[in-house]
Protein backbone atom coordinates (compact mmCIF):
# COMPACT_ATOMS: atom_id res chain seq x y z
CA MET A 1 0.00 0.00 0.00
CA GLN A 2 2.90 2.36 0.76
CA ARG A 3 4.35 1.91 -2.74
CA SER A 4 0.91 2.40 -4.25
CA GLN A 5 0.43 5.70 -2.38
CA LYS A 6 3.83 6.93 -3.58
CA THR A 7 2.82 6.07 -7.14
CA VAL A 8 -0.49 7.88 -6.72
CA SER A 9 1.27 10.97 -5.35
CA LEU A 10 3.70 10.90 -8.26
CA ILE A 11 0.79 10.70 -10.70
CA TYR A 12 -0.87 13.68 -9.02
CA LEU A 13 2.40 15.61 -9.14
CA PHE A 14 2.64 14.89 -12.86
CA CYS A 15 -0.96 16.12 -13.31
CA GLY A 16 -0.07 19.33 -11.47
CA PHE A 17 3.01 19.79 -13.67
CA LEU A 18 0.97 19.17 -16.81
CA THR A 19 -1.62 21.70 -15.62
CA TRP A 20 1.18 24.21 -15.02
CA MET A 21 2.56 23.73 -18.54
CA ILE A 22 -0.83 24.05 -20.25
CA ALA A 23 -1.96 26.98 -18.09
CA ARG A 24 1.33 28.81 -18.68
CA GLU A 25 0.93 28.66 -22.45
CA LEU A 26 -2.77 29.51 -22.28
CA VAL A 27 -2.32 32.50 -19.96
CA ALA A 28 0.68 33.77 -21.95
CA THR A 29 -1.32 33.55 -25.17
CA ILE A 30 -4.30 35.37 -23.65
CA TRP A 31 -1.95 37.95 -22.09
CA VAL A 32 -0.36 38.73 -25.45
CA ALA A 33 -3.68 38.65 -27.31
CA ALA A 34 -5.18 41.11 -24.82
CA GLY A 35 -2.26 43.47 -25.44
CA ILE A 36 -1.34 43.73 -21.77
CA PRO A 37 2.31 44.73 -21.40
CA MET A 38 4.54 42.15 -19.71
CA PRO A 39 6.30 43.60 -16.65
CA ILE A 40 10.04 43.45 -17.29
CA ASP A 41 11.23 44.10 -13.74
CA TRP A 42 9.46 41.03 -12.30
CA MET A 43 11.61 37.94 -11.74
CA ILE A 44 8.69 35.64 -12.55
CA SER A 45 6.20 36.57 -15.25
CA PRO A 46 2.48 36.82 -14.44
CA PRO A 47 1.61 33.83 -16.67
CA ASP A 48 4.12 31.74 -14.68
CA ILE A 49 2.58 32.87 -11.39
CA VAL A 50 -0.96 32.05 -12.53
CA ALA A 51 0.15 28.72 -14.02
CA ALA A 52 2.04 27.75 -10.87
CA GLY A 53 -1.07 28.50 -8.83
CA ALA A 54 -3.18 26.36 -11.17
CA GLY A 55 -0.67 23.50 -10.98
CA ILE A 56 -0.49 23.63 -7.18
CA LEU A 57 -4.28 23.86 -6.94
CA THR A 58 -4.65 20.82 -9.21
CA PHE A 59 -2.19 18.82 -7.11
CA VAL A 60 -3.87 19.77 -3.82
CA LEU A 61 -7.38 19.04 -5.10
CA LEU A 62 -6.31 15.63 -6.41
CA VAL A 63 -4.54 14.70 -3.16
CA ARG A 64 -7.45 15.77 -0.96
CA SER A 65 -10.24 14.14 -3.01
CA THR A 66 -11.14 10.75 -1.57
CA ARG A 67 -13.07 9.71 -4.69
CA VAL A 68 -10.11 10.44 -6.94
CA ASN A 69 -7.75 8.61 -4.56
CA GLU A 70 -10.01 5.54 -4.49
CA PHE A 71 -10.31 5.51 -8.26
CA THR A 72 -6.56 5.90 -8.80
CA ASN A 73 -5.77 3.15 -6.30
CA GLU A 74 -8.27 0.83 -8.02
CA VAL A 75 -6.66 1.56 -11.40
CA ILE A 76 -3.18 0.78 -10.02
CA THR A 77 -4.49 -2.43 -8.45
CA GLU A 78 -6.04 -3.51 -11.74
CA LEU A 79 -2.86 -2.66 -13.66
CA SER A 80 -0.86 -4.85 -11.30
CA ARG A 81 -3.07 -7.79 -12.34
CA VAL A 82 -2.46 -7.31 -16.06
CA VAL A 83 -0.48 -10.07 -17.74
CA TRP A 84 1.81 -8.39 -20.23
CA PRO A 85 2.79 -10.33 -23.38
CA ALA A 86 6.25 -11.81 -23.77
CA ARG A 87 8.84 -10.14 -25.98
CA LYS A 88 8.51 -12.77 -28.71
CA GLU A 89 4.73 -12.37 -28.83
CA THR A 90 5.05 -8.58 -28.96
CA MET A 91 7.56 -8.76 -31.80
CA MET A 92 5.34 -11.15 -33.78
CA SER A 93 2.28 -8.92 -33.30
CA THR A 94 4.30 -5.86 -34.32
CA GLY A 95 5.46 -7.65 -37.46
CA VAL A 96 1.93 -8.70 -38.41
CA VAL A 97 0.58 -5.18 -37.87
CA SER A 98 3.45 -3.64 -39.87
CA VAL A 99 2.88 -5.99 -42.81
CA LEU A 100 -0.88 -5.34 -42.80
CA VAL A 101 -0.34 -1.58 -42.66
CA ALA A 102 2.08 -1.81 -45.60
CA ILE A 103 -0.46 -3.84 -47.60
CA CYS A 104 -3.24 -1.34 -46.82
CA ALA A 105 -0.95 1.56 -47.77
CA LEU A 106 -0.16 -0.13 -51.08
CA ILE A 107 -3.86 -0.73 -51.79
CA PHE A 108 -4.70 2.91 -51.00
CA PHE A 109 -1.78 4.09 -53.16
CA LEU A 110 -2.96 2.02 -56.12
CA PHE A 111 -6.57 3.16 -55.65
CA ASP A 112 -5.39 6.79 -55.50
CA MET A 113 -3.34 6.39 -58.68
CA LEU A 114 -6.28 4.77 -60.47
CA TRP A 115 -8.71 7.42 -59.26
CA GLY A 116 -6.29 10.19 -60.26
CA ALA A 117 -6.01 8.72 -63.78
CA VAL A 118 -9.79 8.50 -64.09
CA VAL A 119 -10.19 12.12 -62.96
CA ARG A 120 -7.47 13.31 -65.41
CA ILE A 121 -9.20 11.45 -68.27
CA PHE A 122 -12.59 12.83 -67.26
CA TYR A 123 -11.42 16.47 -66.92
CA GLY A 124 -8.64 16.38 -69.52
């Protein structure tokens, strides 16, 4: 359970960081679009301050929510029960998918060439 809680906290920290990154870009874009001058003498820009607040708020809300904690713990428990395929099986599946994608690409290429010729004949 201790390891699971560390994993959950790390996931929440990542969510807070992701929120910070997205909010920083969003606030900076809105700031520039609104034509508000950026204060030069500040060590940290206003979009960074707002984004850091959003990231911290996200982290705190996720940590304090019992429903989110229960859900995340259940997901981690279910993922620990997953039986992952062996390397050989993964390589075989990858090969089959690659060959099928190549065949489909070839079929679409030939269809596109045929359709292009028909269109050139029709319009030319």
